[in-house]
Amino acid sequence: MAILFGFLGSLFAFFAVWAIVARSEVITISHSPSTSGSGPWWRWALLLLLMSVIEEGIFRWFIIGQGRHIIALGPAFVVSLILFTIAHRQNGSLTFLTTVNLILVGLILGVIYLWWGIWTAIAAHFGWNLAEWVTGFTVSGEKTRSLLPAPIERRIASYPYGPESHWSATLIMMLCLSILIFPGLSRLAG
């Protein structure tokens, strides 16, 4: 059940960001000729799932999960956040807000991993990336568009990293993080 909530929660969060972006920014839409003959949609979905498994396996299961036995949970969590953000640098130039949002994503996925496990973190990561791809936005930066071509391309003027660089993502992710953290902290205290 937690896996389903992780997946659906990330879809809901992405569509909330998209609703704000659509009202506050100019979004250009074009049809991508590069996707004709590129195979069925489920192949791209499987690639997105594989990417989520690899990233969560490295940044949450290995660095946080195994690292906490070596350097303690707090330092392992911080190392995971730093490396997660650095790993996404190759996808495009990071603005201050993009960096903040990548750190927030790392925090959210780390908390999900700690409370509900690796598969729920994978489901949440996959849900967000799938929603971005299906709607034609970049998946964590413009440089990934050639790796994950979609039939429709949506671009946000002045935000080449996509929705993850927008202030609405900061707002929605902070809300999600507070929803995740506060009940968990009260559970620990009680």
Protein backbone atom coordinates (compact mmCIF):
# COMPACT_ATOMS: atom_id res chain seq x y z
CA MET A 1 0.00 0.00 0.00
CA ALA A 2 2.86 2.40 0.80
CA ILE A 3 4.30 1.79 -2.67
CA LEU A 4 1.01 2.84 -4.27
CA PHE A 5 0.83 5.95 -2.07
CA GLY A 6 4.42 6.83 -3.01
CA PHE A 7 3.63 6.55 -6.70
CA LEU A 8 0.29 8.39 -6.53
CA GLY A 9 1.68 11.04 -4.17
CA SER A 10 4.45 11.91 -6.60
CA LEU A 11 1.98 12.10 -9.50
CA PHE A 12 -0.24 14.42 -7.46
CA ALA A 13 2.76 16.58 -6.49
CA PHE A 14 3.93 16.86 -10.10
CA PHE A 15 0.48 17.77 -11.41
CA ALA A 16 0.15 20.42 -8.68
CA VAL A 17 3.44 21.93 -9.87
CA TRP A 18 2.29 21.74 -13.48
CA ALA A 19 -1.00 23.50 -12.63
CA ILE A 20 0.91 26.40 -11.06
CA VAL A 21 3.48 26.54 -13.86
CA ALA A 22 0.72 26.55 -16.50
CA ARG A 23 -0.90 29.60 -14.85
CA SER A 24 2.29 31.55 -14.18
CA GLU A 25 4.66 30.86 -17.08
CA VAL A 26 4.74 30.68 -20.85
CA ILE A 27 4.90 27.06 -21.93
CA THR A 28 5.70 26.30 -25.55
CA ILE A 29 4.42 23.07 -27.01
CA SER A 30 5.81 21.36 -30.07
CA HIS A 31 5.51 17.95 -31.60
CA SER A 32 8.77 16.07 -31.63
CA PRO A 33 9.73 14.48 -34.94
CA SER A 34 12.52 12.60 -33.15
CA THR A 35 10.06 10.17 -31.55
CA SER A 36 8.50 8.74 -34.69
CA GLY A 37 9.37 5.08 -34.80
CA SER A 38 11.07 5.23 -31.41
CA GLY A 39 9.08 2.31 -30.05
CA PRO A 40 6.10 1.85 -27.80
CA TRP A 41 5.58 4.11 -24.77
CA TRP A 42 6.06 1.22 -22.33
CA ARG A 43 9.73 0.90 -23.35
CA TRP A 44 10.29 4.48 -22.24
CA ALA A 45 8.35 3.82 -19.03
CA LEU A 46 10.58 0.80 -18.34
CA LEU A 47 13.66 2.95 -18.91
CA LEU A 48 12.32 5.52 -16.45
CA LEU A 49 11.64 2.74 -13.94
CA LEU A 50 15.16 1.36 -14.40
CA MET A 51 16.62 4.85 -13.90
CA SER A 52 14.59 5.20 -10.68
CA VAL A 53 15.77 1.80 -9.43
CA ILE A 54 19.41 2.68 -10.13
CA GLU A 55 19.24 6.16 -8.56
CA GLU A 56 17.36 5.00 -5.47
CA GLY A 57 19.64 1.99 -5.17
CA ILE A 58 22.70 4.23 -5.16
CA PHE A 59 21.55 7.33 -3.27
CA ARG A 60 19.11 5.85 -0.77
CA TRP A 61 19.78 2.13 -0.28
CA PHE A 62 23.57 2.21 -0.62
CA ILE A 63 24.60 5.66 0.61
CA ILE A 64 21.96 6.13 3.32
CA GLY A 65 21.10 2.53 4.13
CA GLN A 66 24.56 1.04 4.10
CA GLY A 67 26.45 4.25 4.81
CA ARG A 68 24.69 4.76 8.13
CA HIS A 69 26.43 1.63 9.44
CA ILE A 70 29.80 3.21 8.63
CA ILE A 71 29.40 6.97 9.22
CA ALA A 72 26.01 7.22 11.01
CA LEU A 73 22.63 8.20 9.59
CA GLY A 74 23.01 12.01 9.60
CA PRO A 75 26.30 12.14 7.69
CA ALA A 76 25.15 9.40 5.29
CA PHE A 77 21.98 11.39 4.57
CA VAL A 78 23.98 14.57 3.91
CA VAL A 79 26.41 12.71 1.61
CA SER A 80 23.42 11.29 -0.27
CA LEU A 81 21.91 14.77 -0.74
CA ILE A 82 25.18 16.25 -1.99
CA LEU A 83 25.93 13.42 -4.40
CA PHE A 84 22.32 13.28 -5.66
CA THR A 85 22.46 17.00 -6.48
CA ILE A 86 25.90 16.75 -8.10
CA ALA A 87 24.79 13.75 -10.18
CA HIS A 88 21.98 15.84 -11.69
CA ARG A 89 24.37 18.65 -12.62
CA GLN A 90 25.20 16.92 -15.90
CA ASN A 91 21.57 17.33 -17.05
CA GLY A 92 21.79 21.10 -17.35
CA SER A 93 22.96 24.21 -15.57
CA LEU A 94 21.71 24.42 -12.02
CA THR A 95 20.27 27.67 -10.79
CA PHE A 96 20.02 28.37 -7.07
CA LEU A 97 16.37 27.29 -7.09
CA THR A 98 17.10 24.14 -9.07
CA THR A 99 19.76 23.20 -6.51
CA VAL A 100 17.34 23.84 -3.64
CA ASN A 101 14.70 21.72 -5.35
CA LEU A 102 17.09 18.84 -5.99
CA ILE A 103 18.04 18.91 -2.31
CA LEU A 104 14.33 18.90 -1.40
CA VAL A 105 13.73 15.92 -3.70
CA GLY A 106 16.65 14.12 -2.06
CA LEU A 107 15.21 14.90 1.39
CA ILE A 108 11.75 13.68 0.40
CA LEU A 109 13.03 10.47 -1.17
CA GLY A 110 15.36 9.90 1.79
CA VAL A 111 12.50 10.27 4.28
CA ILE A 112 10.30 7.98 2.18
CA TYR A 113 13.13 5.43 2.10
CA LEU A 114 13.61 5.59 5.87
CA TRP A 115 9.88 5.32 6.71
CA TRP A 116 8.61 2.95 4.01
CA GLY A 117 11.60 1.36 2.29
CA ILE A 118 13.38 1.28 -1.02
CA TRP A 119 10.41 0.20 -3.17
CA THR A 120 8.28 3.11 -2.02
CA ALA A 121 11.14 5.52 -2.74
CA ILE A 122 11.52 3.96 -6.20
CA ALA A 123 7.76 4.28 -6.81
CA ALA A 124 7.78 7.95 -5.79
CA HIS A 125 10.83 8.72 -7.95
CA PHE A 126 9.33 6.83 -10.89
CA GLY A 127 5.94 8.53 -10.56
CA TRP A 128 7.41 12.04 -10.75
CA ASN A 129 9.70 11.20 -13.69
CA LEU A 130 6.92 9.37 -15.54
CA ALA A 131 4.55 12.33 -15.11
CA GLU A 132 7.22 14.70 -16.44
CA TRP A 133 7.89 12.50 -19.46
CA VAL A 134 4.24 11.79 -20.29
CA THR A 135 3.40 15.49 -20.22
CA GLY A 136 6.40 16.33 -22.44
CA PHE A 137 8.55 18.18 -19.89
CA THR A 138 12.20 17.38 -19.44
CA VAL A 139 13.06 14.71 -16.90
CA SER A 140 15.51 16.54 -14.65
CA GLY A 141 17.03 18.86 -17.21
CA GLU A 142 16.97 19.65 -20.89
CA LYS A 143 19.96 17.42 -21.68
CA THR A 144 17.85 14.32 -20.91
CA ARG A 145 15.36 15.12 -23.67
CA SER A 146 17.41 13.31 -26.31
CA LEU A 147 17.60 10.22 -24.06
CA LEU A 148 13.89 10.27 -23.28
CA PRO A 149 12.10 11.74 -26.31
CA ALA A 150 8.36 12.29 -25.92
CA PRO A 151 5.82 12.84 -28.73
CA ILE A 152 5.06 16.30 -27.34
CA GLU A 153 7.71 18.68 -26.01
CA ARG A 154 6.75 21.23 -23.40
CA ARG A 155 9.28 23.91 -22.53
CA ILE A 156 8.98 26.56 -19.87
CA ALA A 157 10.39 29.91 -20.98
CA SER A 158 13.46 30.82 -18.87
CA TYR A 159 13.48 27.43 -17.10
CA PRO A 160 15.68 25.10 -19.16
CA TYR A 161 15.88 22.56 -16.32
CA GLY A 162 12.11 22.14 -16.49
CA PRO A 163 9.55 22.12 -13.69
CA GLU A 164 12.19 21.21 -11.10
CA SER A 165 13.69 24.68 -11.43
CA HIS A 166 10.43 26.53 -10.84
CA TRP A 167 9.36 28.15 -7.56
CA SER A 168 6.17 26.10 -7.56
CA ALA A 169 8.22 22.91 -7.23
CA THR A 170 9.89 24.42 -4.15
CA LEU A 171 6.51 25.23 -2.65
CA ILE A 172 4.95 21.83 -3.38
CA MET A 173 8.04 19.90 -2.25
CA MET A 174 8.23 21.85 1.02
CA LEU A 175 4.58 21.01 1.61
CA CYS A 176 5.22 17.34 0.81
CA LEU A 177 8.24 17.26 3.09
CA SER A 178 6.28 18.77 5.97
CA ILE A 179 3.50 16.20 5.45
CA LEU A 180 6.09 13.42 5.55
CA ILE A 181 8.22 14.68 8.44
CA PHE A 182 5.81 16.03 11.05
CA PRO A 183 3.67 12.90 11.48
CA GLY A 184 6.83 10.79 11.52
CA LEU A 185 8.42 12.94 14.22
CA SER A 186 5.31 12.80 16.37
CA ARG A 187 5.29 9.02 15.92
CA LEU A 188 8.87 8.91 17.22
CA ALA A 189 8.07 11.16 20.18
CA GLY A 190 4.90 9.28 21.13
